[in-house]
Structure formats: C-alpha cells, structure tokens
C-alpha atoms as a PDB file:
ATOM      1  CA  MET A   1     -92.438  30.897 143.968  1.00  0.00           C
ATOM      2  CA  ARG A   2     -91.371  34.481 143.403  1.00  0.00           C
ATOM      3  CA  TYR A   3     -88.093  35.829 142.111  1.00  0.00           C
ATOM      4  CA  LEU A   4     -86.709  39.181 143.132  1.00  0.00           C
ATOM      5  CA  SER A   5     -83.773  40.656 141.351  1.00  0.00           C
ATOM      6  CA  ILE A   6     -81.820  43.333 143.198  1.00  0.00           C
ATOM      7  CA  PHE A   7     -79.174  45.397 141.440  1.00  0.00           C
ATOM      8  CA  HIS A   8     -76.689  47.416 143.436  1.00  0.00           C
ATOM      9  CA  SER A   9     -74.038  49.690 141.986  1.00  0.00           C
ATOM     10  CA  GLY A  10     -71.111  51.141 143.787  1.00  0.00           C
ATOM     11  CA  LEU A  11     -67.560  52.159 143.051  1.00  0.00           C
ATOM     12  CA  GLY A  12     -68.121  51.606 139.397  1.00  0.00           C
ATOM     13  CA  LEU A  13     -69.014  47.913 139.870  1.00  0.00           C
ATOM     14  CA  ILE A  14     -72.340  46.339 139.127  1.00  0.00           C
ATOM     15  CA  THR A  15     -73.392  43.310 141.126  1.00  0.00           C
ATOM     16  CA  ALA A  16     -76.531  41.269 140.919  1.00  0.00           C
ATOM     17  CA  ALA A  17     -78.184  39.034 143.504  1.00  0.00           C
ATOM     18  CA  THR A  18     -81.273  36.931 143.287  1.00  0.00           C
ATOM     19  CA  ILE A  19     -83.425  36.225 146.344  1.00  0.00           C
ATOM     20  CA  VAL A  20     -85.842  33.364 146.214  1.00  0.00           C
ATOM     21  CA  LEU A  21     -88.934  34.042 148.259  1.00  0.00           C
ATOM     22  CA  GLY A  22     -90.864  30.948 149.109  1.00  0.00           C
ATOM     23  CA  ALA A  23     -93.998  30.582 151.191  1.00  0.00           C
ATOM     24  CA  GLY A  24     -92.179  29.045 154.125  1.00  0.00           C
ATOM     25  CA  LEU A  25     -89.546  31.736 154.229  1.00  0.00           C
ATOM     26  CA  ALA A  26     -92.119  34.543 154.176  1.00  0.00           C
ATOM     27  CA  SER A  27     -94.014  33.148 157.171  1.00  0.00           C
ATOM     28  CA  ALA A  28     -90.796  32.706 159.152  1.00  0.00           C
ATOM     29  CA  GLN A  29     -89.831  36.360 159.022  1.00  0.00           C
ATOM     30  CA  THR A  30     -89.590  38.213 162.335  1.00  0.00           C
ATOM     31  CA  ASP A  31     -91.271  41.471 163.157  1.00  0.00           C
ATOM     32  CA  SER A  32     -87.942  43.219 163.094  1.00  0.00           C
ATOM     33  CA  GLU A  33     -87.455  42.379 159.485  1.00  0.00           C
ATOM     34  CA  GLU A  34     -88.463  45.007 156.992  1.00  0.00           C
ATOM     35  CA  GLN A  35     -91.745  44.311 155.256  1.00  0.00           C
ATOM     36  CA  TRP A  36     -91.593  44.720 151.498  1.00  0.00           C
ATOM     37  CA  THR A  37     -94.375  46.864 150.150  1.00  0.00           C
ATOM     38  CA  GLU A  38     -95.494  48.046 146.801  1.00  0.00           C
ATOM     39  CA  GLY A  39     -96.606  51.655 146.432  1.00  0.00           C
ATOM     40  CA  GLY A  40     -95.998  52.319 150.110  1.00  0.00           C
ATOM     41  CA  GLU A  41     -98.840  50.025 151.297  1.00  0.00           C
ATOM     42  CA  SER A  42     -97.786  47.632 154.037  1.00  0.00           C
ATOM     43  CA  GLY A  43     -98.491  43.983 153.435  1.00  0.00           C
ATOM     44  CA  ALA A  44     -99.071  44.387 149.753  1.00  0.00           C
ATOM     45  CA  ALA A  45     -97.930  41.371 147.745  1.00  0.00           C
ATOM     46  CA  LEU A  46     -95.167  41.706 145.166  1.00  0.00           C
ATOM     47  CA  PRO A  47     -96.287  41.149 141.645  1.00  0.00           C
ATOM     48  CA  GLU A  48     -94.933  38.289 139.582  1.00  0.00           C
ATOM     49  CA  MET A  49     -91.811  39.484 137.811  1.00  0.00           C
ATOM     50  CA  VAL A  50     -90.418  37.775 134.748  1.00  0.00           C
ATOM     51  CA  VAL A  51     -87.213  39.091 133.234  1.00  0.00           C
ATOM     52  CA  GLU A  52     -86.325  37.853 129.803  1.00  0.00           C
ATOM     53  CA  ALA A  53     -83.309  38.800 127.752  1.00  0.00           C
ATOM     54  CA  THR A  54     -82.300  37.425 124.413  1.00  0.00           C
ATOM     55  CA  ASN A  55     -78.883  37.979 122.862  1.00  0.00           C
ATOM     56  CA  GLU A  56     -78.796  37.104 119.204  1.00  0.00           C
ATOM     57  CA  VAL A  57     -75.848  37.545 116.853  1.00  0.00           C
ATOM     58  CA  ARG A  58     -76.320  37.034 113.180  1.00  0.00           C
ATOM     59  CA  GLN A  59     -73.390  37.032 110.782  1.00  0.00           C
ATOM     60  CA  LYS A  60     -73.870  36.894 107.077  1.00  0.00           C
ATOM     61  CA  ILE A  61     -71.066  35.102 105.245  1.00  0.00           C
ATOM     62  CA  GLU A  62     -70.894  34.950 101.498  1.00  0.00           C
ATOM     63  CA  LYS A  63     -68.505  32.533  99.788  1.00  0.00           C
ATOM     64  CA  GLY A  64     -66.960  33.724  96.588  1.00  0.00           C
ATOM     65  CA  THR A  65     -66.341  31.531  93.566  1.00  0.00           C
ATOM     66  CA  PHE A  66     -62.913  31.224  91.905  1.00  0.00           C
ATOM     67  CA  THR A  67     -62.827  29.791  88.419  1.00  0.00           C
ATOM     68  CA  PHE A  68     -59.537  28.573  86.934  1.00  0.00           C
ATOM     69  CA  GLU A  69     -59.643  27.110  83.471  1.00  0.00           C
ATOM     70  CA  LEU A  70     -56.962  24.574  82.593  1.00  0.00           C
ATOM     71  CA  ASP A  71     -55.801  23.522  79.196  1.00  0.00           C
ATOM     72  CA  ALA A  72     -53.609  20.570  78.259  1.00  0.00           C
ATOM     73  CA  VAL A  73     -50.423  22.641  78.315  1.00  0.00           C
ATOM     74  CA  ALA A  74     -51.118  23.977  81.797  1.00  0.00           C
ATOM     75  CA  VAL A  75     -51.956  20.548  83.167  1.00  0.00           C
ATOM     76  CA  ASP A  76     -48.763  19.045  81.763  1.00  0.00           C
ATOM     77  CA  SER A  77     -46.723  21.756  83.465  1.00  0.00           C
ATOM     78  CA  PHE A  78     -47.961  20.886  86.976  1.00  0.00           C
ATOM     79  CA  PHE A  79     -45.262  18.487  88.167  1.00  0.00           C
ATOM     80  CA  SER A  80     -44.537  18.202  91.852  1.00  0.00           C
ATOM     81  CA  THR A  81     -41.738  16.295  93.515  1.00  0.00           C
ATOM     82  CA  MET A  82     -44.185  13.454  94.101  1.00  0.00           C
ATOM     83  CA  ASP A  83     -45.076  13.431  90.399  1.00  0.00           C
ATOM     84  CA  LEU A  84     -41.436  13.090  89.427  1.00  0.00           C
ATOM     85  CA  GLU A  85     -40.807  10.281  91.893  1.00  0.00           C
ATOM     86  CA  VAL A  86     -43.948   8.313  91.024  1.00  0.00           C
ATOM     87  CA  LEU A  87     -44.276   8.951  87.304  1.00  0.00           C
ATOM     88  CA  SER A  88     -40.601   9.428  86.401  1.00  0.00           C
ATOM     89  CA  VAL A  89     -41.544  11.885  83.694  1.00  0.00           C
ATOM     90  CA  SER A  90     -38.733  13.540  81.763  1.00  0.00           C
ATOM     91  CA  PRO A  91     -38.997  17.345  81.550  1.00  0.00           C
ATOM     92  CA  VAL A  92     -38.374  17.128  77.812  1.00  0.00           C
ATOM     93  CA  SER A  93     -40.310  13.960  77.071  1.00  0.00           C
ATOM     94  CA  GLY A  94     -42.996  15.989  75.330  1.00  0.00           C
ATOM     95  CA  LEU A  95     -40.412  17.193  72.843  1.00  0.00           C
ATOM     96  CA  GLN A  96     -38.995  13.725  72.227  1.00  0.00           C
ATOM     97  CA  PRO A  97     -41.829  11.170  72.080  1.00  0.00           C
ATOM     98  CA  HIS A  98     -39.487   8.190  71.817  1.00  0.00           C
ATOM     99  CA  LEU A  99     -38.054   9.085  75.230  1.00  0.00           C
ATOM    100  CA  ASN A 100     -41.375   9.199  77.122  1.00  0.00           C
ATOM    101  CA  ASN A 101     -41.318   7.766  80.645  1.00  0.00           C
ATOM    102  CA  LEU A 102     -37.558   7.632  80.879  1.00  0.00           C
ATOM    103  CA  GLU A 103     -36.061   5.074  83.172  1.00  0.00           C
ATOM    104  CA  ARG A 104     -33.878   6.363  85.965  1.00  0.00           C
ATOM    105  CA  LEU A 105     -30.214   6.113  84.977  1.00  0.00           C
ATOM    106  CA  VAL A 106     -28.963   3.656  87.577  1.00  0.00           C
ATOM    107  CA  SER A 107     -26.355   0.990  87.968  1.00  0.00           C
ATOM    108  CA  GLU A 108     -25.431  -1.655  90.485  1.00  0.00           C
ATOM    109  CA  GLN A 109     -21.818  -0.492  90.290  1.00  0.00           C
ATOM    110  CA  PRO A 110     -20.190   2.033  92.647  1.00  0.00           C
ATOM    111  CA  PRO A 111     -18.327   5.031  91.157  1.00  0.00           C
ATOM    112  CA  HIS A 112     -15.018   4.046  89.587  1.00  0.00           C
ATOM    113  CA  LEU A 113     -12.790   6.502  91.417  1.00  0.00           C
ATOM    114  CA  TRP A 114      -9.626   4.754  90.271  1.00  0.00           C
ATOM    115  CA  LEU A 115     -10.257   5.507  86.595  1.00  0.00           C
ATOM    116  CA  PRO A 116      -8.634   8.554  84.947  1.00  0.00           C
ATOM    117  CA  GLU A 117     -10.788  11.674  84.866  1.00  0.00           C
ATOM    118  CA  MET A 118     -11.583  13.674  81.767  1.00  0.00           C
ATOM    119  CA  ALA A 119     -10.067  17.117  81.421  1.00  0.00           C
ATOM    120  CA  ARG A 120     -12.374  19.936  82.502  1.00  0.00           C
ATOM    121  CA  THR A 121     -12.292  23.668  81.993  1.00  0.00           C
ATOM    122  CA  PRO A 122      -9.934  25.390  82.254  1.00  0.00           C
ATOM    123  CA  VAL A 123      -8.225  22.927  79.931  1.00  0.00           C
ATOM    124  CA  ALA A 124      -4.843  24.635  80.249  1.00  0.00           C
ATOM    125  CA  THR A 125      -3.153  27.065  82.629  1.00  0.00           C
ATOM    126  CA  PHE A 126      -0.187  29.151  81.508  1.00  0.00           C
ATOM    127  CA  TYR A 127       2.337  30.863  83.783  1.00  0.00           C
ATOM    128  CA  PRO A 128       3.944  33.743  81.871  1.00  0.00           C
ATOM    129  CA  SER A 129       6.894  35.589  83.365  1.00  0.00           C
ATOM    130  CA  THR A 130       8.767  38.770  82.486  1.00  0.00           C
ATOM    131  CA  PRO A 131      12.577  38.466  82.172  1.00  0.00           C
ATOM    132  CA  GLU A 132      14.475  40.440  84.767  1.00  0.00           C
ATOM    133  CA  GLY A 133      15.847  43.762  83.624  1.00  0.00           C
ATOM    134  CA  HIS A 134      13.330  44.133  80.782  1.00  0.00           C
ATOM    135  CA  LYS A 135      10.749  46.904  80.739  1.00  0.00           C
ATOM    136  CA  VAL A 136       7.839  45.321  78.909  1.00  0.00           C
ATOM    137  CA  LYS A 137       5.654  47.466  76.676  1.00  0.00           C
ATOM    138  CA  SER A 138       3.180  44.715  75.685  1.00  0.00           C
ATOM    139  CA  TRP A 139       2.767  40.954  75.753  1.00  0.00           C
ATOM    140  CA  SER A 140       0.682  38.276  74.011  1.00  0.00           C
ATOM    141  CA  LEU A 141       0.067  34.539  74.289  1.00  0.00           C
ATOM    142  CA  THR A 142      -1.202  32.694  71.221  1.00  0.00           C
ATOM    143  CA  VAL A 143      -2.515  29.131  71.191  1.00  0.00           C
ATOM    144  CA  ILE A 144      -1.670  27.424  67.879  1.00  0.00           C
ATOM    145  CA  ASP A 145      -3.909  24.667  66.486  1.00  0.00           C
ATOM    146  CA  PHE A 146      -2.900  21.480  64.650  1.00  0.00           C
ATOM    147  CA  ARG A 147      -2.824  23.362  61.319  1.00  0.00           C
ATOM    148  CA  GLY A 148      -0.283  25.852  62.631  1.00  0.00           C
ATOM    149  CA  SER A 149      -2.875  28.655  62.697  1.00  0.00           C
ATOM    150  CA  PRO A 150      -3.646  30.959  65.638  1.00  0.00           C
ATOM    151  CA  PHE A 151      -6.620  29.505  67.547  1.00  0.00           C
ATOM    152  CA  LYS A 152      -6.847  31.800  70.578  1.00  0.00           C
ATOM    153  CA  THR A 153      -4.863  34.948  71.459  1.00  0.00           C
ATOM    154  CA  PHE A 154      -4.486  36.739  74.783  1.00  0.00           C
ATOM    155  CA  ASN A 155      -2.675  40.062  75.042  1.00  0.00           C
ATOM    156  CA  GLY A 156      -2.077  42.861  77.490  1.00  0.00           C
ATOM    157  CA  GLY A 157      -0.011  45.845  78.530  1.00  0.00           C
ATOM    158  CA  LYS A 158       3.106  46.339  80.597  1.00  0.00           C
ATOM    159  CA  GLN A 159       2.816  43.482  83.084  1.00  0.00           C
ATOM    160  CA  ALA A 160       2.082  39.894  82.109  1.00  0.00           C
ATOM    161  CA  PRO A 161      -0.156  37.984  84.569  1.00  0.00           C
ATOM    162  CA  ASP A 162       1.360  35.393  86.881  1.00  0.00           C
ATOM    163  CA  LYS A 163      -1.288  32.879  85.778  1.00  0.00           C
ATOM    164  CA  LEU A 164      -3.446  32.692  82.653  1.00  0.00           C
ATOM    165  CA  THR A 165      -6.262  30.132  82.263  1.00  0.00           C
ATOM    166  CA  TRP A 166      -7.808  28.922  78.996  1.00  0.00           C
ATOM    167  CA  ASP A 167     -11.262  27.358  78.708  1.00  0.00           C
ATOM    168  CA  GLY A 168     -10.393  25.533  75.476  1.00  0.00           C
ATOM    169  CA  ARG A 169     -12.438  27.731  73.139  1.00  0.00           C
ATOM    170  CA  GLY A 170     -11.133  29.579  70.104  1.00  0.00           C
ATOM    171  CA  GLU A 171     -11.749  33.099  68.902  1.00  0.00           C
ATOM    172  CA  ASN A 172     -15.119  32.125  67.413  1.00  0.00           C
ATOM    173  CA  GLY A 173     -16.257  30.217  70.486  1.00  0.00           C
ATOM    174  CA  GLU A 174     -15.654  26.735  69.083  1.00  0.00           C
ATOM    175  CA  MET A 175     -14.194  24.104  71.411  1.00  0.00           C
ATOM    176  CA  LEU A 176     -10.786  22.588  70.675  1.00  0.00           C
ATOM    177  CA  ARG A 177     -10.743  19.150  69.065  1.00  0.00           C
ATOM    178  CA  VAL A 178      -9.948  16.299  71.400  1.00  0.00           C
ATOM    179  CA  GLY A 179      -6.871  14.318  70.448  1.00  0.00           C
ATOM    180  CA  TYR A 180      -5.467  16.994  68.150  1.00  0.00           C
ATOM    181  CA  PRO A 181      -2.100  18.605  69.019  1.00  0.00           C
ATOM    182  CA  TYR A 182      -1.972  22.240  70.145  1.00  0.00           C
ATOM    183  CA  SER A 183       0.938  24.469  71.112  1.00  0.00           C
ATOM    184  CA  TYR A 184       1.472  28.062  72.217  1.00  0.00           C
ATOM    185  CA  VAL A 185       3.831  31.033  71.822  1.00  0.00           C
ATOM    186  CA  PHE A 186       4.381  33.691  74.497  1.00  0.00           C
ATOM    187  CA  SER A 187       5.707  37.018  73.140  1.00  0.00           C
ATOM    188  CA  GLN A 188       6.919  40.163  74.890  1.00  0.00           C
ATOM    189  CA  THR A 189       7.890  43.506  73.395  1.00  0.00           C
ATOM    190  CA  ASP A 190      10.005  45.921  75.428  1.00  0.00           C
ATOM    191  CA  LYS A 191      10.184  49.705  75.192  1.00  0.00           C
ATOM    192  CA  GLY A 192      13.055  49.398  72.744  1.00  0.00           C
ATOM    193  CA  THR A 193      10.713  47.528  70.345  1.00  0.00           C
ATOM    194  CA  ASN A 194      12.615  44.274  70.869  1.00  0.00           C
ATOM    195  CA  THR A 195      10.349  41.201  70.747  1.00  0.00           C
ATOM    196  CA  TYR A 196      11.064  38.003  72.652  1.00  0.00           C
ATOM    197  CA  ASN A 197       9.214  34.813  71.686  1.00  0.00           C
ATOM    198  CA  HIS A 198       8.975  31.772  73.935  1.00  0.00           C
ATOM    199  CA  ALA A 199       7.596  28.658  72.222  1.00  0.00           C
ATOM    200  CA  GLY A 200       5.781  26.187  74.460  1.00  0.00           C
ATOM    201  CA  VAL A 201       5.623  22.416  74.184  1.00  0.00           C
ATOM    202  CA  SER A 202       2.867  20.707  72.208  1.00  0.00           C
ATOM    203  CA  PHE A 203      -0.046  19.224  74.142  1.00  0.00           C
ATOM    204  CA  ARG A 204      -3.175  17.178  73.354  1.00  0.00           C
ATOM    205  CA  ILE A 205      -6.318  16.357  75.320  1.00  0.00           C
ATOM    206  CA  PRO A 206      -7.663  12.795  74.759  1.00  0.00           C
ATOM    207  CA  ALA A 207     -10.935  13.290  76.680  1.00  0.00           C
ATOM    208  CA  LEU A 208     -12.781  16.470  77.638  1.00  0.00           C
ATOM    209  CA  ASP A 209     -15.792  17.205  79.862  1.00  0.00           C
ATOM    210  CA  TYR A 210     -17.396  20.589  79.129  1.00  0.00           C
ATOM    211  CA  ARG A 211     -20.723  22.445  78.918  1.00  0.00           C
ATOM    212  CA  ASP A 212     -22.262  23.596  75.653  1.00  0.00           C
ATOM    213  CA  GLN A 213     -25.571  25.509  75.457  1.00  0.00           C
ATOM    214  CA  GLY A 214     -27.090  23.813  78.487  1.00  0.00           C
ATOM    215  CA  ASP A 215     -25.794  20.324  77.634  1.00  0.00           C
ATOM    216  CA  ARG A 216     -22.936  18.431  79.214  1.00  0.00           C
ATOM    217  CA  VAL A 217     -20.553  16.964  76.645  1.00  0.00           C
ATOM    218  CA  LEU A 218     -18.175  14.085  77.305  1.00  0.00           C
ATOM    219  CA  GLU A 219     -15.938  13.956  74.222  1.00  0.00           C
ATOM    220  CA  MET A 220     -13.242  11.352  73.571  1.00  0.00           C
ATOM    221  CA  THR A 221     -10.880  10.799  70.672  1.00  0.00           C
ATOM    222  CA  GLY A 222     -11.367   7.678  68.555  1.00  0.00           C
ATOM    223  CA  ASP A 223      -7.821   6.383  68.923  1.00  0.00           C
ATOM    224  CA  GLU A 224      -8.404   6.114  72.695  1.00  0.00           C
ATOM    225  CA  LEU A 225     -11.605   4.103  72.293  1.00  0.00           C
ATOM    226  CA  PHE A 226     -11.344   1.800  69.286  1.00  0.00           C
ATOM    227  CA  VAL A 227      -9.040  -0.567  67.504  1.00  0.00           C
ATOM    228  CA  ARG A 228      -7.780   1.213  64.420  1.00  0.00           C
ATOM    229  CA  ASP A 229     -10.467   1.293  61.663  1.00  0.00           C
ATOM    230  CA  GLU A 230     -12.638  -1.159  63.645  1.00  0.00           C
ATOM    231  CA  SER A 231     -15.788  -1.013  65.743  1.00  0.00           C
ATOM    232  CA  GLU A 232     -14.107  -2.807  68.643  1.00  0.00           C
ATOM    233  CA  LEU A 233     -13.380  -1.193  71.984  1.00  0.00           C
ATOM    234  CA  THR A 234      -9.897  -1.191  73.433  1.00  0.00           C
ATOM    235  CA  ALA A 235      -9.177  -1.693  77.140  1.00  0.00           C
ATOM    236  CA  ALA A 236      -8.633   2.050  77.459  1.00  0.00           C
ATOM    237  CA  GLY A 237     -11.899   2.669  75.578  1.00  0.00           C
ATOM    238  CA  GLU A 238     -13.908   0.593  78.059  1.00  0.00           C
ATOM    239  CA  LYS A 239     -12.421   2.623  80.904  1.00  0.00           C
ATOM    240  CA  TRP A 240     -13.367   5.920  79.266  1.00  0.00           C
ATOM    241  CA  LEU A 241     -16.940   4.755  78.631  1.00  0.00           C
ATOM    242  CA  THR A 242     -17.229   3.442  82.180  1.00  0.00           C
ATOM    243  CA  ARG A 243     -16.095   6.834  83.414  1.00  0.00           C
ATOM    244  CA  SER A 244     -18.771   8.353  81.184  1.00  0.00           C
ATOM    245  CA  THR A 245     -21.496   6.292  82.870  1.00  0.00           C
ATOM    246  CA  ASP A 246     -20.371   7.615  86.256  1.00  0.00           C
ATOM    247  CA  GLU A 247     -20.854  11.175  85.016  1.00  0.00           C
ATOM    248  CA  ILE A 248     -24.166  10.425  83.256  1.00  0.00           C
ATOM    249  CA  ARG A 249     -25.675   9.104  86.494  1.00  0.00           C
ATOM    250  CA  ARG A 250     -25.218  12.538  88.036  1.00  0.00           C
ATOM    251  CA  HIS A 251     -28.135  13.655  85.810  1.00  0.00           C
ATOM    252  CA  PRO A 252     -30.599  10.769  86.316  1.00  0.00           C
ATOM    253  CA  TYR A 253     -33.429  11.873  84.007  1.00  0.00           C
ATOM    254  CA  SER A 254     -31.532  13.665  81.224  1.00  0.00           C
ATOM    255  CA  PRO A 255     -31.727  12.205  77.703  1.00  0.00           C
ATOM    256  CA  ILE A 256     -28.495  10.866  76.220  1.00  0.00           C
ATOM    257  CA  ARG A 257     -27.212  11.379  72.699  1.00  0.00           C
ATOM    258  CA  VAL A 258     -24.124   9.740  71.214  1.00  0.00           C
ATOM    259  CA  VAL A 259     -22.436  11.511  68.290  1.00  0.00           C
ATOM    260  CA  VAL A 260     -19.760   9.468  66.495  1.00  0.00           C
ATOM    261  CA  THR A 261     -17.465  10.947  63.864  1.00  0.00           C
ATOM    262  CA  ALA A 262     -15.520   8.645  61.535  1.00  0.00           C
ATOM    263  CA  GLU A 263     -14.020   8.644  58.041  1.00  0.00           C
ATOM    264  CA  THR A 264     -16.764   6.422  56.623  1.00  0.00           C
ATOM    265  CA  GLU A 265     -20.489   6.348  57.310  1.00  0.00           C
ATOM    266  CA  ALA A 266     -20.519   2.596  57.897  1.00  0.00           C
ATOM    267  CA  LEU A 267     -17.746   2.801  60.488  1.00  0.00           C
ATOM    268  CA  ALA A 268     -19.457   5.683  62.266  1.00  0.00           C
ATOM    269  CA  ALA A 269     -22.773   3.786  62.400  1.00  0.00           C
ATOM    270  CA  ALA A 270     -21.165   0.604  63.750  1.00  0.00           C
ATOM    271  CA  ARG A 271     -19.264   2.499  66.433  1.00  0.00           C
ATOM    272  CA  ALA A 272     -22.340   4.503  67.438  1.00  0.00           C
ATOM    273  CA  GLU A 273     -24.321   1.304  67.969  1.00  0.00           C
ATOM    274  CA  LEU A 274     -21.475  -0.197  69.991  1.00  0.00           C
ATOM    275  CA  VAL A 275     -21.135   2.829  72.282  1.00  0.00           C
ATOM    276  CA  ALA A 276     -24.911   3.214  72.756  1.00  0.00           C
ATOM    277  CA  GLY A 277     -25.270  -0.464  73.619  1.00  0.00           C
ATOM    278  CA  TYR A 278     -22.398  -0.294  76.104  1.00  0.00           C
ATOM    279  CA  LEU A 279     -23.911   2.703  77.909  1.00  0.00           C
ATOM    280  CA  ALA A 280     -27.405   1.193  77.994  1.00  0.00           C
ATOM    281  CA  GLU A 281     -26.168  -2.115  79.369  1.00  0.00           C
ATOM    282  CA  SER A 282     -23.963  -0.468  81.988  1.00  0.00           C
ATOM    283  CA  MET A 283     -26.815   1.675  83.293  1.00  0.00           C
ATOM    284  CA  ILE A 284     -29.565  -0.940  82.902  1.00  0.00           C
ATOM    285  CA  LEU A 285     -31.452   1.139  80.340  1.00  0.00           C
ATOM    286  CA  PRO A 286     -33.535   0.248  77.301  1.00  0.00           C
ATOM    287  CA  ARG A 287     -31.335   0.650  74.232  1.00  0.00           C
ATOM    288  CA  GLU A 288     -33.860   2.999  72.569  1.00  0.00           C
ATOM    289  CA  GLN A 289     -33.267   5.601  75.262  1.00  0.00           C
ATOM    290  CA  VAL A 290     -29.810   6.331  73.911  1.00  0.00           C
ATOM    291  CA  GLU A 291     -30.060   8.362  70.712  1.00  0.00           C
ATOM    292  CA  THR A 292     -27.267   8.039  68.141  1.00  0.00           C
ATOM    293  CA  VAL A 293     -26.013  10.492  65.498  1.00  0.00           C
ATOM    294  CA  ILE A 294     -23.313   9.667  62.940  1.00  0.00           C
ATOM    295  CA  VAL A 295     -21.017  12.166  61.212  1.00  0.00           C
ATOM    296  CA  GLN A 296     -18.809  11.262  58.264  1.00  0.00           C
ATOM    297  CA  LYS A 297     -15.566  13.236  57.753  1.00  0.00           C
ATOM    298  CA  PRO A 298     -13.275  11.714  55.133  1.00  0.00           C
ATOM    299  CA  ASP A 299     -10.482  14.239  55.791  1.00  0.00           C
ATOM    300  CA  LEU A 300      -9.768  13.244  59.389  1.00  0.00           C
ATOM    301  CA  ARG A 301      -6.171  12.926  60.510  1.00  0.00           C
ATOM    302  CA  ALA A 302      -5.256   9.263  60.171  1.00  0.00           C
ATOM    303  CA  GLU A 303      -3.715   8.923  63.636  1.00  0.00           C
ATOM    304  CA  LEU A 304      -6.777  10.293  65.452  1.00  0.00           C
ATOM    305  CA  ASP A 305      -9.388   7.902  64.060  1.00  0.00           C
ATOM    306  CA  GLY A 306     -12.444  10.069  64.655  1.00  0.00           C
ATOM    307  CA  SER A 307     -14.161  10.928  67.924  1.00  0.00           C
ATOM    308  CA  VAL A 308     -17.105  10.090  70.179  1.00  0.00           C
ATOM    309  CA  ALA A 309     -19.188  12.686  72.008  1.00  0.00           C
ATOM    310  CA  VAL A 310     -21.615  11.520  74.702  1.00  0.00           C
ATOM    311  CA  ILE A 311     -24.054  14.420  75.173  1.00  0.00           C
ATOM    312  CA  ILE A 312     -26.164  14.644  78.349  1.00  0.00           C
ATOM    313  CA  GLU A 313     -28.961  16.991  77.335  1.00  0.00           C
ATOM    314  CA  HIS A 314     -30.568  19.819  79.291  1.00  0.00           C
ATOM    315  CA  VAL A 315     -28.507  19.650  82.463  1.00  0.00           C
ATOM    316  CA  GLU A 316     -28.494  23.460  82.929  1.00  0.00           C
END
C-alpha cells in the first residue's frame, strides 16, 4: 500500500490530505483520469514515501534546597491556634515553671449579672461651673487624699471645662487606695484676683478594676471582704470574690496572683490562702495555679482592715 501526501496552500491557509492508493483502486481508474508519473515518464510507479517527524521537548528543572535551622527557643515560639487548643500552653509558662500546662479558667456557673460591679476608670467625673457674672482668670481642681495632702491637681485658664474625668492616679502615677476617703476642692480666680473655693464631698471606692503595666488588677478593701481582724469572709466579701471570678474568666489562660495586705504577717497569710482557695474552687482550678503574695503594713488605718488585690497577669 502506498501513501501520498498532498499539500495545498491558498489564502494563507495550509491544508493537508492523504490519499491511499491500493492495488484495486489503481486498476479501477478510467482512461480519463490523469496518470501520475515520475520524471515525466508515463506509467512510472511512484516510489515508496515515508514521512517521519518527531517533536521532542526537553525541560530541565532543578530543585533548590532551603535549610532552616531551629533551636529550642524557636521551636517553643511556634504556637498555632491548634496548639493552644490541644496543648493549652500558657504564653508565660516558660517563665513560671509551676504554672506549666495551665488549666482553662472555667466554671459551671453563669455570669452573676446581679452582683455589684467594681469601679472602673475613670473613677470620678467632676462637673465644674463658672459663677455667672464672674470673669475667670484661672481655675484649678485638687483631689485631696486621706492625709489631707494634694493627690492630683488639674488647672487651666479662663474657662473651666463642663466635665473633668479622673483615672484615679496621683501626680506620681500611683493608683488611689481602695477604701480610703478622698475629697476635692475646686478653685477659681477672677481678674480682680478674688479666689473662690468650692469644697466637694468626701468619697471612697471599695473595689476597683484597673490596668497596670499589662496586668488587670481587681482590688478590694479588707473591710468589705473579711470579718474584722479575722480570716473569715463576709457575705459581701463572697459577692466581691464571685464577681472577681467572672472577670478572671474573660482571660482564660492568664496566670493569677493574689496580693493580700494586712497589719500582721500571719493574718495576711491566712487571708491569702482563703482567697486563693475560694478562687480555685469557684473556677475548678488546681490550688497551685493561684499564686499568693503577702504584705505586712502595721500602720494601716484601723477601719480599713487591709486590702486584697487579685492580679490577672499579662492581659495586654
């Protein structure tokens, strides 16, 4: 069998057709059909034609090598969301070995929305006003502490603000003491150098929720929590600590530290153990996960009976 390939080009298009010439077809041709010749000789047979074409594409691909050396510090820093859920690793557990593999701070109790809330910043809002008919030259508002000394002073020019907020911190940045009485004096001086002083009423804050260097501090005065000179919680004290557990659960993996201040070391230690045990039991935690610190201050005001600060570490 012979194969004849005919290529025809026209109008920019290339077409190809293949005619198969078999023995039977050749003998059936009529005289009117054109006889194919080679070299102009009639009746000459076409030679065997074999057309071969090979398309071969070779692509050389080289794979590079990336080397990444890991040390123990780098490995410990690779925590994904899955790691946190499965391993429950505290971000500061490496710094505090006794708090490794912290339990999630949980409780079977719903939030206690009916309990009183702790004061938050701003702890106080003042509303100064200028007397009618007075042309004010300057004004000042001074917060007075329990010793009668200026604790924080605000001042300004001709017009006193309609509202003035205070975050509870003094001139040196220290936070006010919970339970201690504070007062304020608003002063105005007119263009005739007359000064008008307006003394405000005394106020005290029994419980305060504030931020301090990345920690969240829930501070309560001792006379709200304990029976006088005892390590026994009052009904109000249980409510404040229950409110504390509601706030602690907002930061489920943060370490907890309880700082108790009392007039004697023994009383501070007994109260610290009581508060830590109450928090651990309420949140279904191992007792060792609640760190305690005791502070002895023999010069505390008798009616205040110390204080308790529940510190939720590294929340910001």
